[in-house]
Amino acid sequence: MALKPLHDRVLVRRTESEEKTSGGLIIPDSAKEKPSEGLVVACGEGARKDSGELIAMAVKAGDTILFGKWSGTEVTVDGEELLMMKESDIMGIIE
């Protein structure tokens, strides 16, 4: 990976959404919503308090996360489209 996030930023790979509904209907690409679930690829060190003390990240590379629909900025790294977002944009870790 040629990109390392700084501070409290996280690099995320979106997970692919289902291509079928529970009833078996196939969803065309034009009707699919972008998923709000993804896999953490890389993390920064964390934010800093005013005193300079490091606040550790709550997520780590390999975590599956849930984030807001409009969260992050799309970036292309090594030909792959990823999202760069702040840790505060993450709503939770899926276990």
N, C-alpha and C. Protein backbone atom coordinates (compact mmCIF):
# COMPACT_ATOMS: atom_id res chain seq x y z
N MET A 1 0.85 -1.17 0.00
CA MET A 1 0.00 0.00 0.00
C MET A 1 0.90 1.23 0.00
N ALA A 2 0.63 2.14 -0.91
CA ALA A 2 1.46 3.32 -1.07
C ALA A 2 0.93 4.53 -0.31
N LEU A 3 -0.08 4.36 0.53
CA LEU A 3 -0.68 5.49 1.24
C LEU A 3 -0.89 5.15 2.70
N LYS A 4 -0.32 5.95 3.60
CA LYS A 4 -0.51 5.76 5.03
C LYS A 4 -1.27 6.97 5.57
N PRO A 5 -2.45 6.75 6.15
CA PRO A 5 -3.23 7.86 6.70
C PRO A 5 -2.50 8.52 7.87
N LEU A 6 -2.73 9.82 8.04
CA LEU A 6 -2.14 10.56 9.14
C LEU A 6 -3.19 10.83 10.22
N HIS A 7 -2.71 11.07 11.43
CA HIS A 7 -3.53 11.47 12.58
C HIS A 7 -4.68 10.50 12.81
N ASP A 8 -5.93 10.99 12.80
CA ASP A 8 -7.08 10.12 13.10
C ASP A 8 -7.85 9.75 11.84
N ARG A 9 -7.12 9.58 10.75
CA ARG A 9 -7.77 9.21 9.49
C ARG A 9 -7.65 7.70 9.26
N VAL A 10 -8.63 7.17 8.50
CA VAL A 10 -8.72 5.74 8.25
C VAL A 10 -8.94 5.53 6.75
N LEU A 11 -8.24 4.55 6.17
CA LEU A 11 -8.41 4.18 4.77
C LEU A 11 -9.29 2.93 4.73
N VAL A 12 -10.40 3.01 3.96
CA VAL A 12 -11.42 1.95 3.99
C VAL A 12 -11.71 1.44 2.58
N ARG A 13 -11.85 0.10 2.46
CA ARG A 13 -12.28 -0.54 1.21
C ARG A 13 -13.75 -0.92 1.41
N ARG A 14 -14.62 -0.37 0.56
CA ARG A 14 -16.04 -0.72 0.65
C ARG A 14 -16.23 -2.20 0.39
N THR A 15 -17.19 -2.82 1.12
CA THR A 15 -17.54 -4.21 0.84
C THR A 15 -18.62 -4.20 -0.23
N GLU A 16 -18.64 -5.21 -1.06
CA GLU A 16 -19.61 -5.29 -2.15
C GLU A 16 -20.99 -5.59 -1.59
N SER A 17 -22.00 -4.92 -2.12
CA SER A 17 -23.37 -5.15 -1.68
C SER A 17 -23.94 -6.39 -2.37
N GLU A 18 -25.02 -6.89 -1.80
CA GLU A 18 -25.67 -8.07 -2.35
C GLU A 18 -26.20 -7.79 -3.75
N GLU A 19 -26.11 -8.79 -4.63
CA GLU A 19 -26.62 -8.63 -5.98
C GLU A 19 -28.04 -9.15 -6.12
N LYS A 20 -28.54 -9.81 -5.06
CA LYS A 20 -29.90 -10.33 -5.08
C LYS A 20 -30.63 -9.87 -3.82
N THR A 21 -31.95 -9.70 -3.95
CA THR A 21 -32.76 -9.42 -2.77
C THR A 21 -33.02 -10.73 -2.05
N SER A 22 -33.62 -10.65 -0.86
CA SER A 22 -33.93 -11.88 -0.12
C SER A 22 -34.96 -12.73 -0.88
N GLY A 23 -35.75 -12.09 -1.76
CA GLY A 23 -36.74 -12.81 -2.55
C GLY A 23 -36.17 -13.42 -3.82
N GLY A 24 -34.87 -13.14 -4.11
CA GLY A 24 -34.22 -13.73 -5.28
C GLY A 24 -34.14 -12.82 -6.49
N LEU A 25 -34.64 -11.58 -6.39
CA LEU A 25 -34.55 -10.66 -7.52
C LEU A 25 -33.13 -10.13 -7.66
N ILE A 26 -32.65 -10.05 -8.88
CA ILE A 26 -31.31 -9.54 -9.14
C ILE A 26 -31.38 -8.02 -9.24
N ILE A 27 -30.48 -7.34 -8.50
CA ILE A 27 -30.45 -5.87 -8.49
C ILE A 27 -29.43 -5.40 -9.52
N PRO A 28 -29.85 -4.58 -10.51
CA PRO A 28 -28.89 -4.07 -11.50
C PRO A 28 -27.96 -3.05 -10.86
N ASP A 29 -26.76 -2.88 -11.44
CA ASP A 29 -25.76 -1.95 -10.91
C ASP A 29 -26.31 -0.53 -10.78
N SER A 30 -27.16 -0.11 -11.72
CA SER A 30 -27.69 1.25 -11.70
C SER A 30 -28.62 1.50 -10.51
N ALA A 31 -29.17 0.45 -9.92
CA ALA A 31 -30.10 0.60 -8.81
C ALA A 31 -29.45 0.36 -7.45
N LYS A 32 -28.20 -0.09 -7.45
CA LYS A 32 -27.52 -0.38 -6.19
C LYS A 32 -27.09 0.91 -5.51
N GLU A 33 -27.22 0.93 -4.19
CA GLU A 33 -26.68 2.03 -3.41
C GLU A 33 -25.25 1.66 -3.01
N LYS A 34 -24.42 2.68 -2.84
CA LYS A 34 -23.07 2.40 -2.38
C LYS A 34 -23.17 1.88 -0.95
N PRO A 35 -22.45 0.81 -0.64
CA PRO A 35 -22.55 0.25 0.70
C PRO A 35 -21.94 1.17 1.75
N SER A 36 -22.49 1.12 2.95
CA SER A 36 -21.95 1.91 4.04
C SER A 36 -21.23 1.00 5.03
N GLU A 37 -20.69 -0.06 4.50
CA GLU A 37 -19.93 -1.03 5.28
C GLU A 37 -18.61 -1.23 4.57
N GLY A 38 -17.54 -1.39 5.33
CA GLY A 38 -16.25 -1.56 4.68
C GLY A 38 -15.21 -2.20 5.59
N LEU A 39 -14.05 -2.45 5.01
CA LEU A 39 -12.93 -3.06 5.69
C LEU A 39 -11.83 -2.03 5.85
N VAL A 40 -11.33 -1.87 7.07
CA VAL A 40 -10.25 -0.92 7.33
C VAL A 40 -8.97 -1.47 6.73
N VAL A 41 -8.35 -0.69 5.82
CA VAL A 41 -7.12 -1.09 5.15
C VAL A 41 -5.92 -0.58 5.94
N ALA A 42 -5.97 0.68 6.39
CA ALA A 42 -4.86 1.29 7.14
C ALA A 42 -5.41 2.38 8.04
N CYS A 43 -4.68 2.66 9.12
CA CYS A 43 -5.07 3.70 10.09
C CYS A 43 -3.88 4.60 10.39
N GLY A 44 -4.20 5.83 10.77
CA GLY A 44 -3.18 6.73 11.27
C GLY A 44 -2.85 6.38 12.72
N GLU A 45 -1.97 7.18 13.34
CA GLU A 45 -1.56 6.91 14.73
C GLU A 45 -2.65 7.28 15.72
N GLY A 46 -3.47 8.28 15.40
CA GLY A 46 -4.51 8.75 16.30
C GLY A 46 -4.43 10.25 16.45
N ALA A 47 -5.43 10.83 17.07
CA ALA A 47 -5.48 12.28 17.28
C ALA A 47 -4.61 12.64 18.49
N ARG A 48 -4.36 13.92 18.64
CA ARG A 48 -3.58 14.39 19.78
C ARG A 48 -4.41 15.38 20.59
N LYS A 49 -4.29 15.28 21.92
CA LYS A 49 -4.93 16.25 22.81
C LYS A 49 -4.15 17.55 22.73
N ASP A 50 -4.69 18.61 23.31
CA ASP A 50 -3.99 19.90 23.34
C ASP A 50 -2.65 19.78 24.05
N SER A 51 -2.56 18.86 24.99
CA SER A 51 -1.31 18.65 25.74
C SER A 51 -0.27 17.89 24.93
N GLY A 52 -0.67 17.36 23.75
CA GLY A 52 0.25 16.60 22.91
C GLY A 52 0.15 15.10 23.11
N GLU A 53 -0.63 14.68 24.10
CA GLU A 53 -0.80 13.25 24.37
C GLU A 53 -1.59 12.60 23.25
N LEU A 54 -1.15 11.41 22.82
CA LEU A 54 -1.78 10.68 21.73
C LEU A 54 -3.05 9.97 22.21
N ILE A 55 -4.14 10.13 21.45
CA ILE A 55 -5.39 9.41 21.71
C ILE A 55 -5.40 8.23 20.74
N ALA A 56 -5.32 7.01 21.27
CA ALA A 56 -5.23 5.81 20.43
C ALA A 56 -6.49 5.62 19.60
N MET A 57 -6.33 5.02 18.43
CA MET A 57 -7.45 4.73 17.53
C MET A 57 -8.27 3.57 18.09
N ALA A 58 -9.59 3.63 17.90
CA ALA A 58 -10.49 2.56 18.34
C ALA A 58 -10.58 1.44 17.31
N VAL A 59 -10.17 1.73 16.06
CA VAL A 59 -10.20 0.72 14.99
C VAL A 59 -8.79 0.37 14.58
N LYS A 60 -8.66 -0.76 13.91
CA LYS A 60 -7.34 -1.19 13.41
C LYS A 60 -7.53 -1.82 12.04
N ALA A 61 -6.46 -1.98 11.30
CA ALA A 61 -6.52 -2.62 9.99
C ALA A 61 -7.13 -4.01 10.13
N GLY A 62 -8.07 -4.33 9.24
CA GLY A 62 -8.73 -5.63 9.27
C GLY A 62 -10.12 -5.59 9.89
N ASP A 63 -10.47 -4.50 10.60
CA ASP A 63 -11.80 -4.37 11.20
C ASP A 63 -12.84 -4.11 10.11
N THR A 64 -14.03 -4.69 10.28
CA THR A 64 -15.17 -4.38 9.41
C THR A 64 -15.99 -3.32 10.13
N ILE A 65 -16.25 -2.22 9.42
CA ILE A 65 -16.89 -1.08 10.06
C ILE A 65 -18.18 -0.66 9.35
N LEU A 66 -18.96 0.14 10.05
CA LEU A 66 -20.18 0.75 9.50
C LEU A 66 -19.96 2.25 9.55
N PHE A 67 -20.22 2.94 8.43
CA PHE A 67 -20.00 4.39 8.38
C PHE A 67 -21.19 5.06 7.69
N GLY A 68 -21.26 6.38 7.81
CA GLY A 68 -22.35 7.15 7.24
C GLY A 68 -22.35 7.11 5.73
N LYS A 69 -23.51 7.30 5.15
CA LYS A 69 -23.69 7.22 3.70
C LYS A 69 -22.82 8.21 2.94
N TRP A 70 -22.63 9.41 3.48
CA TRP A 70 -21.86 10.45 2.80
C TRP A 70 -20.48 10.65 3.42
N SER A 71 -20.00 9.67 4.19
CA SER A 71 -18.71 9.81 4.87
C SER A 71 -17.54 9.61 3.94
N GLY A 72 -16.46 10.29 4.22
CA GLY A 72 -15.20 10.06 3.55
C GLY A 72 -15.05 10.72 2.20
N THR A 73 -13.82 10.64 1.71
CA THR A 73 -13.44 11.17 0.41
C THR A 73 -12.90 10.01 -0.41
N GLU A 74 -13.38 9.87 -1.63
CA GLU A 74 -12.92 8.78 -2.48
C GLU A 74 -11.52 9.09 -3.00
N VAL A 75 -10.62 8.11 -2.87
CA VAL A 75 -9.26 8.23 -3.38
C VAL A 75 -8.93 6.96 -4.16
N THR A 76 -8.05 7.08 -5.14
CA THR A 76 -7.61 5.92 -5.91
C THR A 76 -6.17 5.62 -5.54
N VAL A 77 -5.93 4.41 -5.07
CA VAL A 77 -4.60 3.98 -4.67
C VAL A 77 -4.29 2.68 -5.40
N ASP A 78 -3.22 2.67 -6.17
CA ASP A 78 -2.82 1.48 -6.94
C ASP A 78 -3.97 0.97 -7.80
N GLY A 79 -4.75 1.88 -8.38
CA GLY A 79 -5.85 1.50 -9.26
C GLY A 79 -7.12 1.05 -8.56
N GLU A 80 -7.14 1.10 -7.24
CA GLU A 80 -8.30 0.65 -6.47
C GLU A 80 -8.96 1.87 -5.81
N GLU A 81 -10.30 1.94 -5.89
CA GLU A 81 -11.02 3.05 -5.27
C GLU A 81 -11.26 2.74 -3.79
N LEU A 82 -10.76 3.63 -2.93
CA LEU A 82 -10.90 3.49 -1.49
C LEU A 82 -11.50 4.77 -0.92
N LEU A 83 -11.85 4.73 0.36
CA LEU A 83 -12.37 5.91 1.05
C LEU A 83 -11.39 6.32 2.14
N MET A 84 -11.15 7.63 2.26
CA MET A 84 -10.36 8.16 3.36
C MET A 84 -11.33 8.95 4.23
N MET A 85 -11.40 8.60 5.52
CA MET A 85 -12.33 9.28 6.42
C MET A 85 -11.72 9.46 7.79
N LYS A 86 -12.30 10.36 8.56
CA LYS A 86 -11.88 10.55 9.95
C LYS A 86 -12.49 9.44 10.79
N GLU A 87 -11.83 9.11 11.87
CA GLU A 87 -12.33 8.05 12.76
C GLU A 87 -13.72 8.41 13.28
N SER A 88 -14.00 9.68 13.47
CA SER A 88 -15.30 10.10 14.00
C SER A 88 -16.46 9.83 13.03
N ASP A 89 -16.15 9.59 11.74
CA ASP A 89 -17.18 9.25 10.75
C ASP A 89 -17.64 7.80 10.88
N ILE A 90 -16.89 7.00 11.61
CA ILE A 90 -17.21 5.58 11.79
C ILE A 90 -18.24 5.44 12.89
N MET A 91 -19.34 4.73 12.58
CA MET A 91 -20.42 4.55 13.55
C MET A 91 -20.23 3.33 14.44
N GLY A 92 -19.53 2.32 13.94
CA GLY A 92 -19.32 1.14 14.76
C GLY A 92 -18.48 0.09 14.07
N ILE A 93 -18.05 -0.89 14.86
CA ILE A 93 -17.27 -2.02 14.37
C ILE A 93 -18.21 -3.23 14.33
N ILE A 94 -18.24 -3.92 13.19
CA ILE A 94 -19.09 -5.10 13.04
C ILE A 94 -18.27 -6.33 13.42
N GLU A 95 -18.79 -7.09 14.37
CA GLU A 95 -18.05 -8.28 14.83
C GLU A 95 -18.65 -9.54 14.30
